[in-house]
């Protein structure tokens, strides 16, 4: 009778009946997650190990010493990254000044393309509606592998899925990679990729060199050569400015980032539970640090892109020429994944939940990766329950999503052209006409 009375008394008042158990309250979950995050950080770095700096705090952002960050250079790079007036070397003249770097890396998609195959020159339309123009394939600037995000890329030394661009980090002791033509300037990956992209993506500076505003911007960003023309050096400096801007693209307003900085209410109970699952699992073995990605390459058995006609993609093994590197790809950062799909270097997942389920089961899509014996030692079943997978998905989708990446977009371009795309279909969709 006493037990029954106690139960009845405990249920008096609707508010008391709705009170969650202590183990599901924000303070309890936050304290538990804090312990796990500190444990995952090396040494005594604690929560600071995972904090992204402010985008204007240039001294705290990793940079190539050969390309020091300055506000003037970052500003120039911001404009050039979105500048469709750079696209002046298309094979088909009708695609003149139609695309930009941001055609395949735009803010609303977490600086990815939101497509299985990104389309630069020769693409029509914006965002998910972008499609190829009815022209021969040779006239298109189309990728046969999923376009990686440039968000938080300051924390990566080697660029591209196979890491061939850049001479530092994982490539520092790779003599073969050091000698690649793409690395002829002996720069970090971001700078190397940005300079290379000027030619690969058919860009040039001749058109912007006629604009007084760009002459002034280049003079401020590069005082040792205070003008812009249409020479190779101008392409290189445009690439350096773009790389400087890319280094400032940081998801430092994501709920998890706010939580790390002391706002314990920044994440919901489900996001906190998901963070606990994340930092309690093997996820954090590869996805750690400020951008939640180690500077390394791992094989987890993802399928290749169905539209990649170049044959079996060996990833890192193609450039190192070592069998032990076959099927290894760069570990990607995890912020703002929810802004763009699909996922995996081969675009083999449509949702983040599918990726979570894949790692929970740990059954490789590409059997060749299994037979090669190169699968990561951490690619093991997570053995999560459905609710844990829901929580982990919430952490990845919303806990790691910076809702304000559009702050990195310029209000207008010196050229006055539409951006990030300037093709006829995009201009209508973007209300540029």
Protein backbone atom coordinates (compact mmCIF):
# COMPACT_ATOMS: atom_id res chain seq x y z
CA UNK A 1 0.00 0.00 0.00
CA UNK A 2 2.80 2.36 0.86
CA UNK A 3 4.41 1.68 -2.55
CA UNK A 4 1.12 2.39 -4.35
CA UNK A 5 0.66 5.62 -2.38
CA UNK A 6 4.16 6.73 -3.31
CA UNK A 7 3.44 6.17 -6.99
CA UNK A 8 0.18 8.11 -6.78
CA UNK A 9 1.84 11.01 -4.99
CA UNK A 10 4.66 11.13 -7.49
CA UNK A 11 2.16 11.53 -10.31
CA UNK A 12 0.28 14.45 -8.79
CA UNK A 13 0.54 17.44 -11.12
CA UNK A 14 0.90 17.14 -14.89
CA UNK A 15 4.24 18.95 -14.95
CA UNK A 16 5.91 16.45 -12.64
CA UNK A 17 4.68 13.56 -14.75
CA UNK A 18 6.29 15.12 -17.83
CA UNK A 19 9.69 15.71 -16.26
CA UNK A 20 12.33 13.68 -18.14
CA UNK A 21 14.67 11.42 -16.22
CA UNK A 22 17.91 13.08 -15.15
CA UNK A 23 19.87 11.03 -17.68
CA UNK A 24 18.02 12.78 -20.53
CA UNK A 25 18.31 16.36 -19.32
CA UNK A 26 20.50 18.92 -21.08
CA UNK A 27 22.85 19.42 -18.07
CA UNK A 28 23.42 15.68 -17.63
CA UNK A 29 23.92 14.98 -21.34
CA UNK A 30 26.15 18.03 -21.75
CA UNK A 31 28.37 16.98 -18.85
CA UNK A 32 28.68 13.45 -20.24
CA UNK A 33 29.53 14.68 -23.72
CA UNK A 34 32.08 17.11 -22.31
CA UNK A 35 33.93 14.24 -20.65
CA UNK A 36 34.03 12.25 -23.88
CA UNK A 37 35.19 15.21 -26.00
CA UNK A 38 37.99 15.99 -23.57
CA UNK A 39 39.04 12.34 -23.60
CA UNK A 40 39.17 12.38 -27.41
CA UNK A 41 41.46 15.43 -27.50
CA UNK A 42 45.22 14.78 -27.38
CA UNK A 43 47.25 15.96 -24.42
CA UNK A 44 45.57 18.60 -22.33
CA UNK A 45 43.95 20.45 -25.21
CA UNK A 46 40.43 19.64 -24.04
CA UNK A 47 37.48 21.23 -25.81
CA UNK A 48 39.74 23.76 -27.54
CA UNK A 49 41.06 21.00 -29.80
CA UNK A 50 37.73 20.93 -31.62
CA UNK A 51 36.98 24.68 -31.76
CA UNK A 52 37.13 26.46 -35.10
CA UNK A 53 38.47 30.04 -34.97
CA UNK A 54 36.55 33.08 -36.07
CA UNK A 55 36.88 33.69 -39.80
CA UNK A 56 38.41 37.11 -39.24
CA UNK A 57 40.97 35.82 -36.74
CA UNK A 58 43.51 35.23 -39.49
CA UNK A 59 46.41 34.53 -37.13
CA UNK A 60 44.63 31.43 -35.79
CA UNK A 61 43.68 29.97 -39.19
CA UNK A 62 46.20 27.46 -40.64
CA UNK A 63 47.98 29.02 -43.61
CA UNK A 64 50.76 28.34 -46.07
CA UNK A 65 53.74 30.57 -45.12
CA UNK A 66 54.18 31.32 -48.82
CA UNK A 67 50.64 32.72 -48.91
CA UNK A 68 50.12 34.73 -45.71
CA UNK A 69 46.53 35.67 -44.97
CA UNK A 70 45.55 39.33 -45.08
CA UNK A 71 42.08 40.92 -45.08
CA UNK A 72 42.79 42.42 -48.50
CA UNK A 73 43.75 39.08 -50.02
CA UNK A 74 40.76 37.31 -48.48
CA UNK A 75 38.41 40.00 -49.83
CA UNK A 76 39.88 39.68 -53.33
CA UNK A 77 39.61 35.90 -53.12
CA UNK A 78 35.97 36.10 -52.06
CA UNK A 79 35.11 38.05 -55.19
CA UNK A 80 37.23 35.91 -57.53
CA UNK A 81 35.75 32.69 -56.11
CA UNK A 82 32.30 33.87 -57.22
CA UNK A 83 33.37 35.84 -60.29
CA UNK A 84 31.80 34.50 -63.49
CA UNK A 85 33.86 37.01 -65.50
CA UNK A 86 36.85 34.69 -64.97
CA UNK A 87 35.27 32.00 -67.16
CA UNK A 88 36.66 33.24 -70.47
CA UNK A 89 38.21 30.15 -72.05
CA UNK A 90 35.31 27.79 -72.81
CA UNK A 91 35.53 25.50 -75.80
CA UNK A 92 32.10 26.66 -76.91
CA UNK A 93 31.82 30.49 -77.09
CA UNK A 94 28.21 30.42 -75.86
CA UNK A 95 29.50 29.35 -72.43
CA UNK A 96 31.65 32.48 -72.11
CA UNK A 97 31.52 33.96 -68.57
CA UNK A 98 28.87 31.46 -67.45
CA UNK A 99 30.46 29.80 -64.39
CA UNK A 100 32.72 30.31 -61.39
CA UNK A 101 34.44 28.35 -58.62
CA UNK A 102 31.18 28.69 -56.70
CA UNK A 103 29.27 26.89 -59.46
CA UNK A 104 30.53 23.65 -57.90
CA UNK A 105 31.20 24.95 -54.37
CA UNK A 106 28.40 27.27 -53.27
CA UNK A 107 27.51 28.30 -49.75
CA UNK A 108 23.92 27.07 -49.73
CA UNK A 109 25.20 23.53 -50.39
CA UNK A 110 27.85 23.62 -47.68
CA UNK A 111 30.34 24.62 -50.38
CA UNK A 112 29.66 21.44 -52.33
CA UNK A 113 27.71 21.10 -55.59
CA UNK A 114 24.54 19.34 -54.38
CA UNK A 115 24.89 17.04 -57.40
CA UNK A 116 26.36 13.58 -58.01
CA UNK A 117 28.51 15.17 -60.72
CA UNK A 118 29.39 18.84 -60.45
CA UNK A 119 29.01 20.95 -63.58
CA UNK A 120 31.07 24.05 -64.23
CA UNK A 121 31.43 25.25 -67.80
CA UNK A 122 28.54 23.95 -69.87
CA UNK A 123 26.13 23.61 -66.97
CA UNK A 124 22.68 25.16 -66.97
CA UNK A 125 20.67 26.09 -63.90
CA UNK A 126 21.44 26.44 -60.22
CA UNK A 127 21.61 24.06 -57.29
CA UNK A 128 19.80 20.70 -57.68
CA UNK A 129 18.31 21.77 -61.01
CA UNK A 130 21.72 22.23 -62.67
CA UNK A 131 22.12 20.05 -65.74
CA UNK A 132 24.37 19.75 -68.76
CA UNK A 133 23.86 21.79 -71.88
CA UNK A 134 23.09 19.83 -75.04
CA UNK A 135 26.65 19.97 -76.33
CA UNK A 136 29.41 17.39 -76.84
CA UNK A 137 30.90 16.13 -73.57
CA UNK A 138 34.31 17.57 -74.46
CA UNK A 139 32.81 21.05 -74.08
CA UNK A 140 31.70 20.37 -70.51
CA UNK A 141 33.63 20.89 -67.30
CA UNK A 142 32.15 17.86 -65.55
CA UNK A 143 33.52 15.86 -62.62
CA UNK A 144 33.42 12.05 -62.56
CA UNK A 145 33.73 11.92 -58.79
CA UNK A 146 31.73 13.65 -56.06
CA UNK A 147 32.97 17.19 -55.51
CA UNK A 148 34.42 17.58 -51.98
CA UNK A 149 33.50 20.56 -49.84
CA UNK A 150 35.97 23.41 -49.39
CA UNK A 151 34.41 24.18 -45.99
CA UNK A 152 37.00 23.95 -43.19
CA UNK A 153 39.60 23.07 -45.81
CA UNK A 154 42.24 25.14 -44.02
CA UNK A 155 42.73 22.05 -41.85
CA UNK A 156 43.74 19.83 -44.77
CA UNK A 157 47.20 19.85 -46.39
CA UNK A 158 46.47 17.59 -49.36
CA UNK A 159 43.62 18.29 -51.78
CA UNK A 160 41.48 16.04 -53.98
CA UNK A 161 40.16 12.67 -52.87
CA UNK A 162 43.51 11.05 -53.70
CA UNK A 163 45.51 13.87 -52.11
CA UNK A 164 47.70 14.58 -55.13
CA UNK A 165 47.75 18.37 -54.65
CA UNK A 166 50.09 19.80 -52.03
CA UNK A 167 53.57 19.03 -50.73
CA UNK A 168 52.94 19.13 -46.98
CA UNK A 169 51.24 16.87 -44.46
CA UNK A 170 50.79 13.35 -45.79
CA UNK A 171 52.72 14.33 -48.95
CA UNK A 172 55.78 15.74 -47.17
CA UNK A 173 57.75 12.51 -47.60
CA UNK A 174 56.22 11.43 -50.90
CA UNK A 175 58.96 12.07 -53.44
CA UNK A 176 56.82 10.98 -56.37
CA UNK A 177 53.98 13.34 -55.46
CA UNK A 178 56.42 16.19 -54.81
CA UNK A 179 57.51 15.95 -58.44
CA UNK A 180 54.01 16.14 -59.92
CA UNK A 181 53.56 19.09 -62.25
CA UNK A 182 50.58 20.25 -60.18
CA UNK A 183 53.03 20.68 -57.26
CA UNK A 184 55.60 22.68 -59.23
CA UNK A 185 55.18 25.66 -56.89
CA UNK A 186 55.81 23.54 -53.77
CA UNK A 187 52.77 24.92 -51.95
CA UNK A 188 50.14 23.58 -49.59
CA UNK A 189 47.17 21.74 -51.05
CA UNK A 190 44.66 24.60 -51.10
CA UNK A 191 47.02 26.95 -52.89
CA UNK A 192 48.09 24.23 -55.29
CA UNK A 193 44.53 23.27 -56.16
CA UNK A 194 43.36 26.87 -56.57
CA UNK A 195 46.19 27.74 -58.96
CA UNK A 196 45.69 24.53 -60.92
CA UNK A 197 41.96 25.19 -61.13
CA UNK A 198 42.52 28.40 -63.07
CA UNK A 199 43.65 26.35 -66.05
CA UNK A 200 41.71 23.13 -65.49
CA UNK A 201 38.40 24.99 -65.25
CA UNK A 202 39.18 27.27 -68.20
CA UNK A 203 39.48 30.53 -66.27
CA UNK A 204 41.46 33.67 -67.06
CA UNK A 205 42.08 37.22 -65.82
CA UNK A 206 41.94 39.16 -69.10
CA UNK A 207 38.35 40.34 -68.62
CA UNK A 208 38.69 41.44 -64.99
CA UNK A 209 41.94 43.25 -65.80
CA UNK A 210 39.83 45.87 -67.59
CA UNK A 211 37.94 46.70 -64.38
CA UNK A 212 39.41 49.47 -62.16
CA UNK A 213 38.01 47.88 -58.99
CA UNK A 214 39.98 44.69 -59.58
CA UNK A 215 43.14 46.68 -60.34
CA UNK A 216 42.76 48.32 -56.93
CA UNK A 217 41.96 45.05 -55.17
CA UNK A 218 45.00 43.26 -56.64
CA UNK A 219 47.25 46.19 -55.70
CA UNK A 220 46.10 45.99 -52.08
CA UNK A 221 46.36 42.20 -51.91
CA UNK A 222 49.75 41.97 -53.66
CA UNK A 223 51.64 45.24 -53.14
CA UNK A 224 54.80 43.81 -54.73
CA UNK A 225 52.98 43.61 -58.08
CA UNK A 226 50.24 46.23 -57.82
CA UNK A 227 48.23 45.44 -60.92
CA UNK A 228 46.47 42.58 -62.70
CA UNK A 229 46.94 41.68 -66.34
CA UNK A 230 46.45 38.52 -68.39
CA UNK A 231 49.74 36.78 -67.71
CA UNK A 232 50.53 33.46 -66.03
CA UNK A 233 51.58 35.29 -62.87
CA UNK A 234 48.12 36.87 -62.67
CA UNK A 235 46.51 33.43 -62.80
CA UNK A 236 48.79 32.30 -59.99
CA UNK A 237 47.98 35.27 -57.81
CA UNK A 238 44.28 34.88 -58.45
CA UNK A 239 44.66 31.30 -57.24
CA UNK A 240 46.51 32.42 -54.12
CA UNK A 241 43.76 34.93 -53.29
CA UNK A 242 41.06 32.30 -53.80
CA UNK A 243 42.92 29.88 -51.52
CA UNK A 244 43.21 32.60 -48.87
CA UNK A 245 39.45 33.12 -48.98
CA UNK A 246 38.80 29.36 -48.85
CA UNK A 247 40.83 29.13 -45.64
CA UNK A 248 38.35 31.46 -43.93
CA UNK A 249 35.33 29.31 -44.82
CA UNK A 250 34.73 27.88 -41.36
CA UNK A 251 31.56 26.38 -39.90
CA UNK A 252 32.17 28.14 -36.59
CA UNK A 253 28.50 28.94 -35.96
CA UNK A 254 27.31 25.33 -35.88
CA UNK A 255 25.47 24.30 -32.67
CA UNK A 256 28.32 21.97 -31.71
CA UNK A 257 30.79 24.84 -32.07
CA UNK A 258 28.62 27.07 -29.88
CA UNK A 259 28.39 24.25 -27.34
CA UNK A 260 32.17 23.87 -27.32
CA UNK A 261 32.46 27.58 -26.56
CA UNK A 262 30.26 27.29 -23.48
CA UNK A 263 26.63 27.53 -24.62
CA UNK A 264 25.22 24.30 -23.16
CA UNK A 265 21.79 25.09 -24.61
CA UNK A 266 23.10 25.27 -28.18
CA UNK A 267 22.29 21.62 -28.91
CA UNK A 268 19.07 19.71 -28.32
CA UNK A 269 18.91 16.64 -26.12
CA UNK A 270 18.89 14.42 -29.21
CA UNK A 271 21.91 16.18 -30.70
CA UNK A 272 23.74 15.80 -27.39
CA UNK A 273 22.86 12.10 -27.29
CA UNK A 274 24.13 11.83 -30.86
CA UNK A 275 27.35 13.53 -29.87
CA UNK A 276 27.74 11.02 -27.05
CA UNK A 277 27.27 8.16 -29.53
CA UNK A 278 29.77 9.78 -31.89
CA UNK A 279 32.51 10.34 -29.32
CA UNK A 280 31.90 6.92 -27.75
CA UNK A 281 32.37 5.12 -31.07
CA UNK A 282 35.15 4.56 -33.57
CA UNK A 283 33.86 7.55 -35.61
CA UNK A 284 36.19 9.84 -33.71
CA UNK A 285 39.26 7.78 -34.63
CA UNK A 286 39.17 9.24 -38.16
CA UNK A 287 36.87 12.23 -37.75
CA UNK A 288 38.57 14.32 -35.10
CA UNK A 289 40.13 17.76 -34.72
CA UNK A 290 38.65 21.16 -35.52
CA UNK A 291 37.17 20.04 -38.84
CA UNK A 292 36.44 16.49 -37.64
CA UNK A 293 38.80 14.91 -40.16
CA UNK A 294 42.32 13.57 -39.79
CA UNK A 295 44.88 14.45 -42.47
CA UNK A 296 45.02 10.94 -43.83
CA UNK A 297 43.50 8.47 -46.26
CA UNK A 298 41.35 5.48 -45.36
CA UNK A 299 39.59 2.67 -47.17
CA UNK A 300 36.02 2.07 -46.04
CA UNK A 301 34.74 0.27 -49.11
CA UNK A 302 32.60 2.98 -50.72
CA UNK A 303 31.47 2.23 -54.27
CA UNK A 304 32.88 4.18 -57.20
CA UNK A 305 30.80 6.69 -59.11
CA UNK A 306 28.60 4.90 -61.68
CA UNK A 307 29.47 7.58 -64.24
CA UNK A 308 33.24 7.19 -63.78
CA UNK A 309 34.28 5.47 -66.99
CA UNK A 310 37.99 5.47 -66.17
CA UNK A 311 37.82 2.03 -64.57
CA UNK A 312 38.27 0.91 -60.98
CA UNK A 313 39.16 3.91 -58.84
CA UNK A 314 42.19 3.00 -56.73
CA UNK A 315 42.20 6.38 -54.98
CA UNK A 316 45.44 7.12 -53.16
CA UNK A 317 47.09 4.06 -54.71
CA UNK A 318 47.00 5.67 -58.16
CA UNK A 319 49.37 8.43 -57.15
CA UNK A 320 51.63 6.68 -54.63
CA UNK A 321 51.92 3.55 -56.82
CA UNK A 322 51.72 1.43 -53.65
CA UNK A 323 49.30 -1.47 -53.41
CA UNK A 324 48.78 -0.81 -49.70
CA UNK A 325 47.20 2.54 -50.64
CA UNK A 326 44.69 1.10 -53.10
CA UNK A 327 41.07 2.14 -52.46
CA UNK A 328 42.07 4.70 -49.85
CA UNK A 329 40.51 8.17 -50.08
CA UNK A 330 40.91 11.36 -48.11
CA UNK A 331 38.93 11.50 -44.87
CA UNK A 332 36.34 14.28 -45.42
CA UNK A 333 35.23 16.94 -42.95
CA UNK A 334 31.73 16.51 -41.48
CA UNK A 335 30.21 19.97 -41.13
CA UNK A 336 27.08 21.02 -43.09
CA UNK A 337 26.61 17.63 -44.69
CA UNK A 338 22.86 18.16 -44.54
CA UNK A 339 23.08 21.03 -47.04
CA UNK A 340 24.08 18.83 -49.95
CA UNK A 341 23.72 15.28 -51.21
CA UNK A 342 24.67 12.61 -52.24
CA UNK A 343 27.56 11.31 -50.11
CA UNK A 344 30.73 9.25 -50.55
CA UNK A 345 33.38 9.82 -53.21
CA UNK A 346 31.25 7.72 -55.56
CA UNK A 347 27.94 9.38 -54.64
CA UNK A 348 26.69 6.03 -53.39
CA UNK A 349 24.52 7.32 -50.50
CA UNK A 350 21.51 9.61 -50.78
CA UNK A 351 21.04 10.44 -47.10
CA UNK A 352 23.16 10.84 -43.99
CA UNK A 353 21.09 8.14 -42.32
CA UNK A 354 22.17 5.72 -45.06
CA UNK A 355 25.81 6.53 -44.28
CA UNK A 356 25.21 5.93 -40.57
CA UNK A 357 23.57 2.57 -41.30
CA UNK A 358 26.46 1.64 -43.60
CA UNK A 359 29.05 2.19 -40.88
CA UNK A 360 26.83 0.48 -38.35
CA UNK A 361 26.83 -2.68 -40.48
CA UNK A 362 30.38 -2.26 -41.89
CA UNK A 363 29.75 -4.29 -45.04
CA UNK A 364 31.79 -2.75 -47.89
CA UNK A 365 30.02 -1.76 -51.08
CA UNK A 366 33.16 -2.34 -53.14
CA UNK A 367 34.35 -5.90 -52.65
CA UNK A 368 37.66 -5.17 -54.34
CA UNK A 369 38.52 -2.96 -51.36
CA UNK A 370 37.80 -5.89 -49.05
CA UNK A 371 39.86 -8.35 -51.08
CA UNK A 372 42.78 -5.90 -51.29
CA UNK A 373 43.10 -6.11 -47.52
CA UNK A 374 43.31 -2.34 -47.12
CA UNK A 375 40.11 -1.64 -45.21
CA UNK A 376 40.63 0.58 -42.19
CA UNK A 377 41.03 -1.26 -38.89
CA UNK A 378 38.31 1.06 -37.58
CA UNK A 379 35.84 -0.11 -40.21
CA UNK A 380 34.01 -2.45 -37.86
CA UNK A 381 30.29 -2.74 -37.00
CA UNK A 382 29.22 -0.03 -34.56
CA UNK A 383 26.41 -2.23 -33.20
CA UNK A 384 24.15 0.76 -32.59
CA UNK A 385 20.47 0.45 -31.75
CA UNK A 386 17.89 2.28 -33.95
CA UNK A 387 17.51 5.11 -31.42
CA UNK A 388 21.27 5.57 -31.26
CA UNK A 389 21.41 5.77 -35.05
CA UNK A 390 18.63 8.37 -34.97
CA UNK A 391 20.58 10.38 -32.40
CA UNK A 392 23.86 10.12 -34.30
CA UNK A 393 22.10 11.21 -37.50
CA UNK A 394 20.67 14.24 -35.68
CA UNK A 395 24.13 15.21 -34.44
CA UNK A 396 25.55 14.98 -37.96
CA UNK A 397 22.64 16.69 -39.70
CA UNK A 398 21.85 19.57 -37.35
CA UNK A 399 24.42 19.59 -34.54
CA UNK A 400 27.20 20.08 -37.09
CA UNK A 401 25.28 22.41 -39.40
CA UNK A 402 26.27 26.07 -39.50
CA UNK A 403 22.98 27.78 -40.51
CA UNK A 404 24.60 30.96 -41.77
CA UNK A 405 27.15 30.09 -44.44
CA UNK A 406 25.66 32.73 -46.72
CA UNK A 407 27.68 35.28 -44.70
CA UNK A 408 30.61 34.25 -46.89
CA UNK A 409 28.88 35.34 -50.12
CA UNK A 410 29.66 38.81 -51.55
CA UNK A 411 26.78 41.20 -52.08
CA UNK A 412 27.84 41.94 -55.64
CA UNK A 413 30.73 41.48 -58.07
CA UNK A 414 32.87 44.21 -59.65
CA UNK A 415 31.85 42.81 -63.05
CA UNK A 416 28.17 43.18 -62.22
CA UNK A 417 27.54 39.69 -63.60
CA UNK A 418 25.21 37.10 -62.10
CA UNK A 419 26.81 34.60 -59.74
CA UNK A 420 27.59 31.85 -58.87
CA UNK A 421 26.37 31.00 -62.39
CA UNK A 422 25.67 33.31 -65.30
CA UNK A 423 24.06 30.98 -67.84
CA UNK A 424 20.58 31.92 -69.15
CA UNK A 425 18.74 29.37 -66.97
CA UNK A 426 20.60 30.31 -63.78
CA UNK A 427 20.06 34.03 -64.37
CA UNK A 428 16.30 33.50 -64.34
CA UNK A 429 16.41 31.21 -61.28
CA UNK A 430 18.63 33.66 -59.39
CA UNK A 431 16.55 36.69 -60.42
CA UNK A 432 19.47 38.29 -62.19
CA UNK A 433 17.53 39.21 -65.36
